[in-house]
Amino acid sequence: MEEENIIQTKTFERIQQYKVDFAYSKNLFYSATNRLNQEEKNYLKYRKYIDILILIFTLLSFSSAIYPNANLLYLGIFAFIAFGLSIFQFINIKDFSKNEEYKKLPINI
């Protein structure tokens, strides 16, 4: 009899709603963590491609040592492009340290 009274109370309904809310919040948390992981992977891949381009343009700008007759205008353009890409990467640095903290949090139901 007393069990039926407890089940019908508002407090019991609120506890059940908190359980549902917690499960929903947990799923949102894991979705956000997965989204951050994917964003970090894409960012690192993008940075790698930019690094390769910087390396290529830097090597092309130093090609006057290999080809002394190379046009100075082209060498300057290559150096300017490499410098511009380096500045672009420096400006667009992202910190993913919070992502590591999220991975360490233990959440179990």
C-alpha atoms as a PDB file:
ATOM      1  CA  MET A   1       0.000   0.000   0.000  1.00  0.00           C
ATOM      2  CA  GLU A   2       2.739   2.393   0.921  1.00  0.00           C
ATOM      3  CA  GLU A   3       4.648   1.559  -2.286  1.00  0.00           C
ATOM      4  CA  GLU A   4       1.666   2.615  -4.367  1.00  0.00           C
ATOM      5  CA  ASN A   5       1.501   5.911  -2.487  1.00  0.00           C
ATOM      6  CA  ILE A   6       5.195   6.587  -3.119  1.00  0.00           C
ATOM      7  CA  ILE A   7       4.879   5.796  -6.828  1.00  0.00           C
ATOM      8  CA  GLN A   8       1.964   8.206  -7.167  1.00  0.00           C
ATOM      9  CA  THR A   9       3.703  11.140  -5.474  1.00  0.00           C
ATOM     10  CA  LYS A  10       5.072  14.175  -7.285  1.00  0.00           C
ATOM     11  CA  THR A  11       8.506  13.574  -5.777  1.00  0.00           C
ATOM     12  CA  PHE A  12       8.730  10.161  -7.425  1.00  0.00           C
ATOM     13  CA  GLU A  13       7.704  11.659 -10.768  1.00  0.00           C
ATOM     14  CA  ARG A  14      10.390  14.333 -10.399  1.00  0.00           C
ATOM     15  CA  ILE A  15      13.028  11.697  -9.613  1.00  0.00           C
ATOM     16  CA  GLN A  16      12.031   9.771 -12.727  1.00  0.00           C
ATOM     17  CA  GLN A  17      12.247  12.977 -14.772  1.00  0.00           C
ATOM     18  CA  TYR A  18      15.737  13.690 -13.347  1.00  0.00           C
ATOM     19  CA  LYS A  19      16.838  10.223 -14.431  1.00  0.00           C
ATOM     20  CA  VAL A  20      15.630  10.906 -17.976  1.00  0.00           C
ATOM     21  CA  ASP A  21      17.237  14.360 -17.968  1.00  0.00           C
ATOM     22  CA  PHE A  22      20.547  12.915 -16.784  1.00  0.00           C
ATOM     23  CA  ALA A  23      20.553  10.260 -19.508  1.00  0.00           C
ATOM     24  CA  TYR A  24      19.778  12.939 -22.105  1.00  0.00           C
ATOM     25  CA  SER A  25      22.545  15.191 -20.756  1.00  0.00           C
ATOM     26  CA  LYS A  26      25.006  12.307 -20.861  1.00  0.00           C
ATOM     27  CA  ASN A  27      24.174  11.659 -24.514  1.00  0.00           C
ATOM     28  CA  LEU A  28      24.608  15.359 -25.288  1.00  0.00           C
ATOM     29  CA  PHE A  29      27.980  15.326 -23.544  1.00  0.00           C
ATOM     30  CA  TYR A  30      29.204  12.328 -25.534  1.00  0.00           C
ATOM     31  CA  SER A  31      27.905  13.843 -28.764  1.00  0.00           C
ATOM     32  CA  ALA A  32      29.803  17.050 -28.034  1.00  0.00           C
ATOM     33  CA  THR A  33      32.964  15.076 -27.258  1.00  0.00           C
ATOM     34  CA  ASN A  34      32.657  13.134 -30.515  1.00  0.00           C
ATOM     35  CA  ARG A  35      32.102  16.362 -32.412  1.00  0.00           C
ATOM     36  CA  LEU A  36      35.229  17.877 -30.834  1.00  0.00           C
ATOM     37  CA  ASN A  37      37.236  14.762 -31.700  1.00  0.00           C
ATOM     38  CA  GLN A  38      36.153  15.009 -35.338  1.00  0.00           C
ATOM     39  CA  GLU A  39      36.907  18.734 -35.409  1.00  0.00           C
ATOM     40  CA  GLU A  40      40.374  18.082 -33.992  1.00  0.00           C
ATOM     41  CA  LYS A  41      41.089  15.394 -36.622  1.00  0.00           C
ATOM     42  CA  ASN A  42      39.978  17.690 -39.440  1.00  0.00           C
ATOM     43  CA  TYR A  43      42.031  20.567 -38.032  1.00  0.00           C
ATOM     44  CA  LEU A  44      45.186  18.469 -37.763  1.00  0.00           C
ATOM     45  CA  LYS A  45      44.740  17.157 -41.316  1.00  0.00           C
ATOM     46  CA  TYR A  46      44.233  20.718 -42.572  1.00  0.00           C
ATOM     47  CA  ARG A  47      47.351  21.902 -40.697  1.00  0.00           C
ATOM     48  CA  LYS A  48      49.393  19.084 -42.203  1.00  0.00           C
ATOM     49  CA  TYR A  49      48.430  20.136 -45.737  1.00  0.00           C
ATOM     50  CA  ILE A  50      49.280  23.772 -44.993  1.00  0.00           C
ATOM     51  CA  ASP A  51      52.644  22.666 -43.532  1.00  0.00           C
ATOM     52  CA  ILE A  52      53.414  20.756 -46.727  1.00  0.00           C
ATOM     53  CA  LEU A  53      52.551  23.826 -48.821  1.00  0.00           C
ATOM     54  CA  ILE A  54      54.768  26.023 -46.634  1.00  0.00           C
ATOM     55  CA  LEU A  55      57.622  23.555 -47.044  1.00  0.00           C
ATOM     56  CA  ILE A  56      57.201  23.452 -50.830  1.00  0.00           C
ATOM     57  CA  PHE A  57      57.085  27.235 -51.214  1.00  0.00           C
ATOM     58  CA  THR A  58      60.027  27.671 -48.859  1.00  0.00           C
ATOM     59  CA  LEU A  59      62.079  25.195 -50.864  1.00  0.00           C
ATOM     60  CA  LEU A  60      61.073  26.936 -54.084  1.00  0.00           C
ATOM     61  CA  SER A  61      62.138  30.286 -52.650  1.00  0.00           C
ATOM     62  CA  PHE A  62      65.555  28.812 -51.781  1.00  0.00           C
ATOM     63  CA  SER A  63      65.967  27.405 -55.270  1.00  0.00           C
ATOM     64  CA  SER A  64      68.228  30.320 -56.224  1.00  0.00           C
ATOM     65  CA  ALA A  65      71.047  28.388 -54.558  1.00  0.00           C
ATOM     66  CA  ILE A  66      70.347  25.474 -56.904  1.00  0.00           C
ATOM     67  CA  TYR A  67      69.399  27.514 -59.977  1.00  0.00           C
ATOM     68  CA  PRO A  68      71.415  30.758 -59.947  1.00  0.00           C
ATOM     69  CA  ASN A  69      69.618  32.026 -63.067  1.00  0.00           C
ATOM     70  CA  ALA A  70      66.142  31.738 -61.480  1.00  0.00           C
ATOM     71  CA  ASN A  71      63.987  34.806 -61.837  1.00  0.00           C
ATOM     72  CA  LEU A  72      64.169  36.865 -58.632  1.00  0.00           C
ATOM     73  CA  LEU A  73      60.505  37.866 -58.948  1.00  0.00           C
ATOM     74  CA  TYR A  74      59.351  34.230 -58.769  1.00  0.00           C
ATOM     75  CA  LEU A  75      61.595  33.553 -55.795  1.00  0.00           C
ATOM     76  CA  GLY A  76      60.163  36.581 -53.992  1.00  0.00           C
ATOM     77  CA  ILE A  77      56.601  35.468 -54.748  1.00  0.00           C
ATOM     78  CA  PHE A  78      57.309  31.966 -53.415  1.00  0.00           C
ATOM     79  CA  ALA A  79      58.867  33.404 -50.261  1.00  0.00           C
ATOM     80  CA  PHE A  80      55.923  35.772 -49.790  1.00  0.00           C
ATOM     81  CA  ILE A  81      53.412  32.911 -50.200  1.00  0.00           C
ATOM     82  CA  ALA A  82      55.316  30.777 -47.665  1.00  0.00           C
ATOM     83  CA  PHE A  83      55.407  33.706 -45.251  1.00  0.00           C
ATOM     84  CA  GLY A  84      51.691  34.382 -45.741  1.00  0.00           C
ATOM     85  CA  LEU A  85      50.769  30.744 -45.113  1.00  0.00           C
ATOM     86  CA  SER A  86      52.918  30.716 -41.966  1.00  0.00           C
ATOM     87  CA  ILE A  87      51.169  33.840 -40.651  1.00  0.00           C
ATOM     88  CA  PHE A  88      47.779  32.338 -41.541  1.00  0.00           C
ATOM     89  CA  GLN A  89      48.585  29.209 -39.542  1.00  0.00           C
ATOM     90  CA  PHE A  90      49.860  31.227 -36.613  1.00  0.00           C
ATOM     91  CA  ILE A  91      46.651  33.263 -36.486  1.00  0.00           C
ATOM     92  CA  ASN A  92      44.425  30.162 -36.724  1.00  0.00           C
ATOM     93  CA  ILE A  93      45.901  28.153 -33.841  1.00  0.00           C
ATOM     94  CA  LYS A  94      43.225  26.220 -31.945  1.00  0.00           C
ATOM     95  CA  ASP A  95      43.583  24.718 -28.490  1.00  0.00           C
ATOM     96  CA  PHE A  96      42.109  21.263 -28.038  1.00  0.00           C
ATOM     97  CA  SER A  97      43.259  20.753 -24.448  1.00  0.00           C
ATOM     98  CA  LYS A  98      39.664  20.741 -23.167  1.00  0.00           C
ATOM     99  CA  ASN A  99      38.978  17.830 -25.457  1.00  0.00           C
ATOM    100  CA  GLU A 100      41.587  15.795 -23.571  1.00  0.00           C
ATOM    101  CA  GLU A 101      39.925  16.744 -20.277  1.00  0.00           C
ATOM    102  CA  TYR A 102      36.540  15.593 -21.591  1.00  0.00           C
ATOM    103  CA  LYS A 103      38.001  12.217 -22.572  1.00  0.00           C
ATOM    104  CA  LYS A 104      39.254  11.694 -19.015  1.00  0.00           C
ATOM    105  CA  LEU A 105      35.918  12.341 -17.297  1.00  0.00           C
ATOM    106  CA  PRO A 106      34.268   9.132 -16.088  1.00  0.00           C
ATOM    107  CA  ILE A 107      30.526   9.195 -16.638  1.00  0.00           C
ATOM    108  CA  ASN A 108      28.724   5.938 -16.032  1.00  0.00           C
ATOM    109  CA  ILE A 109      25.107   5.069 -15.496  1.00  0.00           C
END
